[in-house]
Amino acid sequence: MRSSVRERETVARWDVARPSLPSRTAGVSLAGFRDSSAGPVDVPLVPHPAVTLVVEFGDGLFVVGDATGRQQRGSLVAGLAPGAVRMRGENVTCVEVRLSPVVAYAVLGVCPAELDRTVVALDDLWGRDLSRIREQLADAASWEDRFALTDSLLARRRETGPLVDPEVARVWDRIVISRGRVRIEDLADEVGWSRRLLWSRFRSQIGLPPKRTATLVRFRHAAHRLAAGDNAVRVAAECGYVDQSHLHREVVAFTGMTPSTLAGDPGLAVDDIAWAEPVAYLGVMRKT
């Protein structure tokens, strides 16, 4: 990675930094965040088609809570589509990693299916690796150094971890590239599997069934269209929803917000800066 990190891009009370080059591990994206607000923050986390890993460091408070009231403090991993989740904290500084579920098992040491669409403590998965990287991040002189340290750790873990089936990786990529608008039956035919076998293998290795994954990918595209100012009727029609009511129901199910509220969510503005290129969503294995 070159030392040309985009730093101090302040949106919605966050200073955002990101590396100029992609991670050396396919399916991985990184960004750095520093809370620049005058007091505590309380913001929703909008689901996206990746497993999220947050390594916090420093003296700030970082807590994530779900709709059931369960809270997770400190560094964490969030599975795919964890539901209406909010982040609360003060003076937060962290490196956030987005992992394609195609590589998440290898990097995390646990299959995304075992995360069960929830939030878990990263310490439970990484132990000493987490303690070591947190100390290194706190001592690092720049975001560039922090990204290099994090990327090296991810690469080491990726090298020794298990791979998903090539057919599963291919189906994941097809769903993402199509923005969720693809027939699961066609994908099963494409890889030479029955629909039942595809459902079973995909669910066990990715963490969601293929159809639910397509729904998540479609939602994420629609969310960014809403944030860009497109009206809900047009977004529903052009993103593959039956009608505006269908879009409304899915937005509420994923976020706990209405489409109009989601459209003004500052987190999506931060998202566009931190993750300008969604490389972490794609898989790393393709069957030709």
Protein backbone atom coordinates (compact mmCIF):
# COMPACT_ATOMS: atom_id res chain seq x y z
CA MET A 1 0.00 0.00 0.00
CA ARG A 2 1.29 3.44 -0.90
CA SER A 3 1.33 6.21 1.67
CA SER A 4 -1.44 8.25 0.08
CA VAL A 5 -4.30 7.53 2.44
CA ARG A 6 -7.35 9.74 2.09
CA GLU A 7 -7.65 11.19 5.58
CA ARG A 8 -9.79 13.77 7.34
CA GLU A 9 -12.80 13.46 5.06
CA THR A 10 -15.36 14.50 7.63
CA VAL A 11 -18.94 13.37 7.11
CA ALA A 12 -21.59 13.05 9.80
CA ARG A 13 -19.09 13.57 12.63
CA TRP A 14 -16.60 10.97 11.42
CA ASP A 15 -13.09 11.45 10.06
CA VAL A 16 -12.69 8.72 7.45
CA ALA A 17 -9.46 7.26 6.10
CA ARG A 18 -9.02 4.61 3.45
CA PRO A 19 -6.01 3.13 1.66
CA SER A 20 -5.24 4.11 -1.90
CA LEU A 21 -4.87 0.49 -3.02
CA PRO A 22 -7.02 -2.60 -2.39
CA SER A 23 -6.06 -5.18 0.19
CA ARG A 24 -3.64 -7.82 -1.00
CA THR A 25 -6.24 -10.38 0.06
CA ALA A 26 -9.06 -10.68 -2.46
CA GLY A 27 -12.47 -10.16 -0.88
CA VAL A 28 -11.19 -7.75 1.80
CA SER A 29 -11.68 -3.97 2.12
CA LEU A 30 -10.46 -1.69 4.92
CA ALA A 31 -11.31 1.78 6.21
CA GLY A 32 -10.41 3.82 9.28
CA PHE A 33 -12.81 5.84 11.41
CA ARG A 34 -12.31 8.44 14.12
CA ASP A 35 -15.26 9.98 15.95
CA SER A 36 -15.00 13.76 15.58
CA SER A 37 -18.27 14.69 17.32
CA ALA A 38 -18.51 16.84 20.42
CA GLY A 39 -20.39 14.19 22.41
CA PRO A 40 -21.72 10.63 22.29
CA VAL A 41 -22.83 9.17 18.96
CA ASP A 42 -25.86 6.96 18.37
CA VAL A 43 -26.31 5.82 14.78
CA PRO A 44 -27.92 2.88 12.95
CA LEU A 45 -25.70 0.43 11.10
CA VAL A 46 -27.15 -0.24 7.66
CA PRO A 47 -26.68 -3.89 6.55
CA HIS A 48 -24.53 -4.61 3.53
CA PRO A 49 -23.47 -7.81 1.73
CA ALA A 50 -20.30 -8.48 3.69
CA VAL A 51 -19.24 -9.75 7.09
CA THR A 52 -18.10 -6.74 9.14
CA LEU A 53 -15.10 -6.85 11.44
CA VAL A 54 -14.38 -3.86 13.69
CA VAL A 55 -11.08 -3.52 15.57
CA GLU A 56 -11.36 -0.64 18.00
CA PHE A 57 -8.34 0.82 19.75
CA GLY A 58 -7.73 3.76 22.02
CA ASP A 59 -9.65 4.88 25.08
CA GLY A 60 -13.08 5.48 23.58
CA LEU A 61 -16.36 3.71 24.24
CA PHE A 62 -17.76 1.49 21.47
CA VAL A 63 -20.99 -0.48 21.93
CA VAL A 64 -23.27 -2.15 19.40
CA GLY A 65 -26.80 -3.19 20.35
CA ASP A 66 -29.42 -5.16 18.44
CA ALA A 67 -33.22 -5.02 18.45
CA THR A 68 -33.43 -7.52 21.35
CA GLY A 69 -31.45 -5.22 23.63
CA ARG A 70 -28.34 -7.40 23.59
CA GLN A 71 -25.15 -5.33 23.55
CA GLN A 72 -21.59 -6.03 22.48
CA ARG A 73 -18.80 -3.80 23.72
CA GLY A 74 -15.46 -3.38 21.97
CA SER A 75 -14.07 -5.11 18.89
CA LEU A 76 -16.64 -7.26 17.13
CA VAL A 77 -17.79 -9.24 14.12
CA ALA A 78 -21.25 -8.74 12.61
CA GLY A 79 -22.70 -11.47 10.42
CA LEU A 80 -24.70 -10.89 7.26
CA ALA A 81 -27.98 -9.00 7.74
CA PRO A 82 -27.92 -8.77 11.56
CA GLY A 83 -31.16 -6.75 11.61
CA ALA A 84 -31.78 -3.34 13.15
CA VAL A 85 -28.44 -2.65 14.88
CA ARG A 86 -27.23 0.61 16.41
CA MET A 87 -23.76 1.78 17.27
CA ARG A 88 -23.29 3.91 20.37
CA GLY A 89 -20.10 5.37 21.66
CA GLU A 90 -17.80 8.28 22.29
CA ASN A 91 -14.25 9.05 21.09
CA VAL A 92 -14.32 5.92 18.92
CA THR A 93 -11.29 5.08 16.81
CA CYS A 94 -11.28 1.88 14.81
CA VAL A 95 -10.30 -0.01 11.70
CA GLU A 96 -13.30 -1.56 9.99
CA VAL A 97 -12.90 -4.52 7.66
CA ARG A 98 -15.49 -5.80 5.22
CA LEU A 99 -15.07 -9.43 4.32
CA SER A 100 -16.70 -11.25 1.48
CA PRO A 101 -18.25 -14.33 3.13
CA VAL A 102 -16.27 -16.30 0.56
CA VAL A 103 -13.10 -15.51 2.57
CA ALA A 104 -14.64 -14.80 5.99
CA TYR A 105 -14.29 -18.38 7.26
CA ALA A 106 -10.56 -18.38 6.56
CA VAL A 107 -9.94 -14.93 8.04
CA LEU A 108 -12.14 -15.25 11.13
CA GLY A 109 -11.68 -18.91 11.96
CA VAL A 110 -15.43 -19.44 12.08
CA CYS A 111 -17.94 -20.07 9.31
CA PRO A 112 -20.28 -17.11 8.63
CA ALA A 113 -23.22 -19.48 9.19
CA GLU A 114 -22.12 -19.87 12.81
CA LEU A 115 -22.46 -16.12 13.34
CA ASP A 116 -26.20 -16.61 12.82
CA ARG A 117 -26.75 -13.06 11.55
CA THR A 118 -25.73 -11.57 14.88
CA VAL A 119 -22.90 -9.61 16.50
CA VAL A 120 -20.17 -11.42 18.46
CA ALA A 121 -17.03 -10.38 20.31
CA LEU A 122 -13.93 -10.55 18.14
CA ASP A 123 -11.94 -11.53 21.21
CA ASP A 124 -13.87 -14.82 21.31
CA LEU A 125 -12.58 -15.63 17.83
CA TRP A 126 -9.09 -14.14 17.73
CA GLY A 127 -7.86 -14.11 21.33
CA ARG A 128 -4.19 -13.13 21.40
CA ASP A 129 -4.25 -11.99 17.78
CA LEU A 130 -6.76 -9.31 18.76
CA SER A 131 -4.80 -8.12 21.78
CA ARG A 132 -1.66 -7.86 19.68
CA ILE A 133 -3.21 -5.99 16.76
CA ARG A 134 -5.01 -3.52 19.06
CA GLU A 135 -1.72 -2.61 20.71
CA GLN A 136 -0.02 -2.24 17.34
CA LEU A 137 -2.79 -0.04 15.97
CA ALA A 138 -2.69 2.22 19.01
CA ASP A 139 1.10 2.62 18.68
CA ALA A 140 1.10 3.14 14.90
CA ALA A 141 2.06 6.59 13.65
CA SER A 142 -0.42 6.84 10.77
CA TRP A 143 -3.49 5.28 9.17
CA GLU A 144 -1.22 3.97 6.44
CA ASP A 145 0.71 1.98 9.04
CA ARG A 146 -2.52 0.76 10.63
CA PHE A 147 -3.85 -0.49 7.31
CA ALA A 148 -0.57 -2.30 6.62
CA LEU A 149 -0.62 -3.99 10.03
CA THR A 150 -4.24 -5.07 9.68
CA ASP A 151 -3.79 -6.27 6.12
CA SER A 152 -0.78 -8.39 7.11
CA LEU A 153 -2.75 -10.07 9.86
CA LEU A 154 -5.68 -10.78 7.56
CA ALA A 155 -3.37 -12.21 4.90
CA ARG A 156 -1.68 -14.55 7.39
CA ARG A 157 -4.99 -15.85 8.64
CA ARG A 158 -6.34 -16.21 5.10
CA GLU A 159 -3.40 -18.36 4.00
CA THR A 160 -4.16 -21.16 6.46
CA GLY A 161 -7.96 -21.01 6.47
CA PRO A 162 -10.50 -23.17 4.60
CA LEU A 163 -11.99 -22.28 1.22
CA VAL A 164 -15.62 -22.37 0.16
CA ASP A 165 -16.70 -24.52 -2.76
CA PRO A 166 -15.94 -22.92 -6.17
CA GLU A 167 -19.63 -23.32 -7.04
CA VAL A 168 -20.65 -21.38 -3.94
CA ALA A 169 -18.17 -18.59 -4.75
CA ARG A 170 -19.49 -18.41 -8.31
CA VAL A 171 -23.10 -18.13 -7.16
CA TRP A 172 -22.15 -15.42 -4.64
CA ASP A 173 -20.43 -13.40 -7.36
CA ARG A 174 -23.37 -13.76 -9.73
CA ILE A 175 -25.79 -12.53 -7.08
CA VAL A 176 -23.63 -9.50 -6.28
CA ILE A 177 -22.92 -8.57 -9.89
CA SER A 178 -26.63 -8.84 -10.79
CA ARG A 179 -27.53 -6.68 -7.76
CA GLY A 180 -29.72 -9.46 -6.50
CA ARG A 181 -31.81 -9.74 -9.65
CA VAL A 182 -31.16 -13.32 -10.71
CA ARG A 183 -33.19 -16.53 -10.50
CA ILE A 184 -31.80 -19.03 -8.00
CA GLU A 185 -32.94 -21.89 -10.25
CA ASP A 186 -30.79 -20.49 -13.05
CA LEU A 187 -27.77 -20.28 -10.74
CA ALA A 188 -28.23 -23.92 -9.70
CA ASP A 189 -28.31 -24.95 -13.35
CA GLU A 190 -25.23 -22.84 -14.03
CA VAL A 191 -23.10 -24.71 -11.50
CA GLY A 192 -24.67 -28.10 -12.18
CA TRP A 193 -26.32 -28.54 -8.79
CA SER A 194 -29.89 -29.18 -7.75
CA ARG A 195 -31.66 -26.26 -6.08
CA ARG A 196 -31.71 -28.18 -2.80
CA LEU A 197 -27.96 -28.87 -2.90
CA LEU A 198 -27.22 -25.24 -3.74
CA TRP A 199 -29.41 -24.04 -0.86
CA SER A 200 -27.70 -26.39 1.60
CA ARG A 201 -24.09 -25.71 0.57
CA PHE A 202 -24.58 -21.97 0.15
CA ARG A 203 -26.35 -21.57 3.50
CA SER A 204 -23.75 -23.61 5.38
CA GLN A 205 -20.76 -21.77 3.87
CA ILE A 206 -22.02 -18.21 3.35
CA GLY A 207 -24.43 -17.81 6.25
CA LEU A 208 -27.63 -17.01 4.35
CA PRO A 209 -29.65 -18.95 1.77
CA PRO A 210 -29.18 -17.77 -1.84
CA LYS A 211 -32.57 -16.07 -2.06
CA ARG A 212 -32.08 -14.16 1.19
CA THR A 213 -28.63 -13.12 -0.02
CA ALA A 214 -30.14 -11.77 -3.23
CA THR A 215 -32.68 -9.84 -1.13
CA LEU A 216 -29.85 -8.28 0.92
CA VAL A 217 -27.86 -7.30 -2.16
CA ARG A 218 -30.95 -5.78 -3.80
CA PHE A 219 -31.76 -3.85 -0.63
CA ARG A 220 -28.26 -2.41 -0.41
CA HIS A 221 -28.42 -1.13 -3.97
CA ALA A 222 -31.85 0.38 -3.32
CA ALA A 223 -30.59 2.06 -0.13
CA HIS A 224 -27.88 3.91 -2.02
CA ARG A 225 -30.34 4.92 -4.71
CA LEU A 226 -32.61 6.40 -2.03
CA ALA A 227 -29.67 8.21 -0.42
CA ALA A 228 -28.74 9.66 -3.83
CA GLY A 229 -32.16 11.33 -4.01
CA ASP A 230 -34.13 8.93 -6.21
CA ASN A 231 -37.80 8.70 -5.25
CA ALA A 232 -39.10 5.47 -3.74
CA VAL A 233 -41.43 4.68 -6.65
CA ARG A 234 -38.59 4.76 -9.16
CA VAL A 235 -36.21 2.84 -6.88
CA ALA A 236 -38.80 0.12 -6.33
CA ALA A 237 -39.45 -0.25 -10.05
CA GLU A 238 -35.82 -0.22 -11.15
CA CYS A 239 -34.42 -2.40 -8.36
CA GLY A 240 -36.81 -5.28 -8.86
CA TYR A 241 -39.44 -4.74 -6.17
CA VAL A 242 -43.08 -5.55 -6.83
CA ASP A 243 -44.14 -2.06 -5.79
CA GLN A 244 -43.32 0.74 -3.36
CA SER A 245 -44.95 -1.12 -0.46
CA HIS A 246 -42.64 -4.07 -1.09
CA LEU A 247 -39.62 -1.76 -0.91
CA HIS A 248 -40.98 -0.18 2.27
CA ARG A 249 -41.37 -3.56 3.99
CA GLU A 250 -37.85 -4.69 3.14
CA VAL A 251 -36.22 -1.44 4.25
CA VAL A 252 -38.03 -1.64 7.59
CA ALA A 253 -37.10 -5.31 7.98
CA PHE A 254 -33.40 -4.67 7.38
CA THR A 255 -32.99 -1.39 9.25
CA GLY A 256 -36.01 -0.58 11.40
CA MET A 257 -36.31 2.67 9.39
CA THR A 258 -38.70 3.81 6.68
CA PRO A 259 -37.29 4.51 3.20
CA SER A 260 -37.55 8.28 3.73
CA THR A 261 -35.65 8.05 7.02
CA LEU A 262 -33.05 5.78 5.50
CA ALA A 263 -32.54 8.21 2.60
CA GLY A 264 -31.34 10.86 5.06
CA ASP A 265 -29.18 8.53 7.12
CA PRO A 266 -25.67 10.08 7.42
CA GLY A 267 -24.15 6.62 7.65
CA LEU A 268 -24.72 6.08 3.94
CA ALA A 269 -22.78 9.27 3.14
CA VAL A 270 -19.89 7.97 5.23
CA ASP A 271 -20.24 4.65 3.43
CA ASP A 272 -19.73 6.22 0.02
CA ILE A 273 -16.41 7.74 1.14
CA ALA A 274 -15.06 4.79 3.11
CA TRP A 275 -16.05 2.12 0.59
CA ALA A 276 -15.86 3.84 -2.78
CA GLU A 277 -15.11 0.51 -4.48
CA PRO A 278 -17.09 -2.49 -3.12
CA VAL A 279 -14.29 -5.00 -3.71
CA ALA A 280 -15.01 -6.91 -0.51
CA TYR A 281 -18.35 -8.05 -1.79
CA LEU A 282 -16.88 -10.18 -4.56
CA GLY A 283 -15.60 -13.70 -4.17
CA VAL A 284 -12.17 -14.95 -5.10
CA MET A 285 -12.88 -18.26 -6.84
CA ARG A 286 -14.65 -18.75 -10.13
CA LYS A 287 -15.44 -21.92 -12.01
CA THR A 288 -15.13 -21.51 -15.78
